[in-house]
Amino acid sequence: GAVYVKDVPGWYRKADSDRSAFAAVAPRSLLALPMGPDWAMQRRLVAPLFSTSSIDSFLPLVHAKSLELCELWRTRASCEHEVPEQDV
């Protein structure tokens, strides 16, 4: 299963300024909202997605995709005389 952190260390406190970078990319997302009543309501709505059972249900897919990515890297790393194409 996944590793969960229940107690956030005192030195790790999120500030609204930490969210400003997300505002340019996803201005209406939960990540870009300043902490407050709107943020709290949105956070409560998505909280079930971060439950232990929900996260555990994603692990097989994350693991499978990680293995695919590792295999892709191995294949590209084994190309000696070719310059592998880069998909961006």
Protein backbone atom coordinates (compact mmCIF):
# COMPACT_ATOMS: atom_id res chain seq x y z
CA GLY A 1 0.00 0.00 0.00
CA ALA A 2 0.83 3.67 -0.03
CA VAL A 3 2.68 5.62 2.65
CA TYR A 4 0.62 8.31 4.34
CA VAL A 5 1.76 11.28 6.40
CA LYS A 6 -0.73 12.27 9.08
CA ASP A 7 1.23 14.97 10.86
CA VAL A 8 2.65 17.78 8.75
CA PRO A 9 5.91 19.13 10.20
CA GLY A 10 5.74 22.65 11.61
CA TRP A 11 8.27 23.94 9.07
CA TYR A 12 5.96 22.94 6.21
CA ARG A 13 3.15 25.45 6.18
CA LYS A 14 1.39 26.31 2.95
CA ALA A 15 0.84 29.97 2.26
CA ASP A 16 -1.33 31.58 -0.38
CA SER A 17 1.85 32.82 -2.06
CA ASP A 18 2.77 29.17 -2.70
CA ARG A 19 -0.35 28.90 -4.86
CA SER A 20 0.35 31.85 -7.15
CA ALA A 21 2.31 29.74 -9.64
CA PHE A 22 -0.76 27.59 -10.24
CA ALA A 23 -2.96 30.60 -10.90
CA ALA A 24 -1.29 31.25 -14.25
CA VAL A 25 -1.73 27.64 -15.40
CA ALA A 26 -5.05 26.68 -13.81
CA PRO A 27 -6.64 29.83 -12.37
CA ARG A 28 -9.94 28.18 -11.43
CA SER A 29 -8.44 25.08 -9.87
CA LEU A 30 -8.28 24.12 -6.22
CA LEU A 31 -4.52 24.57 -6.32
CA ALA A 32 -4.83 28.23 -7.35
CA LEU A 33 -7.55 29.24 -4.88
CA PRO A 34 -6.40 31.24 -1.88
CA MET A 35 -7.10 29.40 1.35
CA GLY A 36 -10.44 30.44 2.75
CA PRO A 37 -14.11 29.41 2.57
CA ASP A 38 -14.10 28.71 -1.20
CA TRP A 39 -10.93 26.67 -0.92
CA ALA A 40 -12.33 24.72 2.08
CA MET A 41 -15.54 23.88 0.20
CA GLN A 42 -13.63 22.70 -2.87
CA ARG A 43 -11.22 20.70 -0.70
CA ARG A 44 -14.11 18.91 1.04
CA LEU A 45 -15.55 17.99 -2.37
CA VAL A 46 -12.34 16.33 -3.56
CA ALA A 47 -11.33 14.81 -0.21
CA PRO A 48 -12.81 11.37 -1.05
CA LEU A 49 -10.36 11.12 -3.96
CA PHE A 50 -7.52 11.11 -1.44
CA SER A 51 -8.88 8.46 0.91
CA THR A 52 -6.74 5.42 1.64
CA SER A 53 -8.94 3.12 -0.44
CA SER A 54 -9.05 5.55 -3.35
CA ILE A 55 -5.27 6.01 -3.44
CA ASP A 56 -4.75 2.26 -3.07
CA SER A 57 -7.03 1.71 -6.08
CA PHE A 58 -4.73 3.90 -8.23
CA LEU A 59 -1.53 2.08 -7.27
CA PRO A 60 -1.78 -0.78 -9.81
CA LEU A 61 -2.17 1.69 -12.68
CA VAL A 62 0.65 3.92 -11.40
CA HIS A 63 2.87 0.85 -11.04
CA ALA A 64 2.04 -0.43 -14.54
CA LYS A 65 2.70 2.97 -16.12
CA SER A 66 5.96 3.31 -14.18
CA LEU A 67 7.12 -0.04 -15.56
CA GLU A 68 6.22 1.07 -19.09
CA LEU A 69 8.20 4.27 -18.64
CA CYS A 70 11.22 2.38 -17.29
CA GLU A 71 11.11 0.05 -20.29
CA LEU A 72 10.93 3.04 -22.65
CA TRP A 73 13.96 4.58 -20.95
CA ARG A 74 15.86 1.28 -21.17
CA THR A 75 15.06 1.03 -24.87
CA ARG A 76 16.15 4.60 -25.55
CA ALA A 77 19.29 4.22 -23.45
CA SER A 78 20.32 1.11 -25.42
CA CYS A 79 20.40 3.00 -28.74
CA GLU A 80 24.12 3.30 -29.42
CA HIS A 81 24.34 4.88 -32.87
CA GLU A 82 20.93 6.42 -33.21
CA VAL A 83 19.56 9.55 -31.66
CA PRO A 84 16.17 8.44 -30.33
CA GLU A 85 13.17 10.55 -31.20
CA GLN A 86 11.79 12.68 -28.41
CA ASP A 87 8.01 12.92 -28.03
CA VAL A 88 7.01 16.14 -26.34
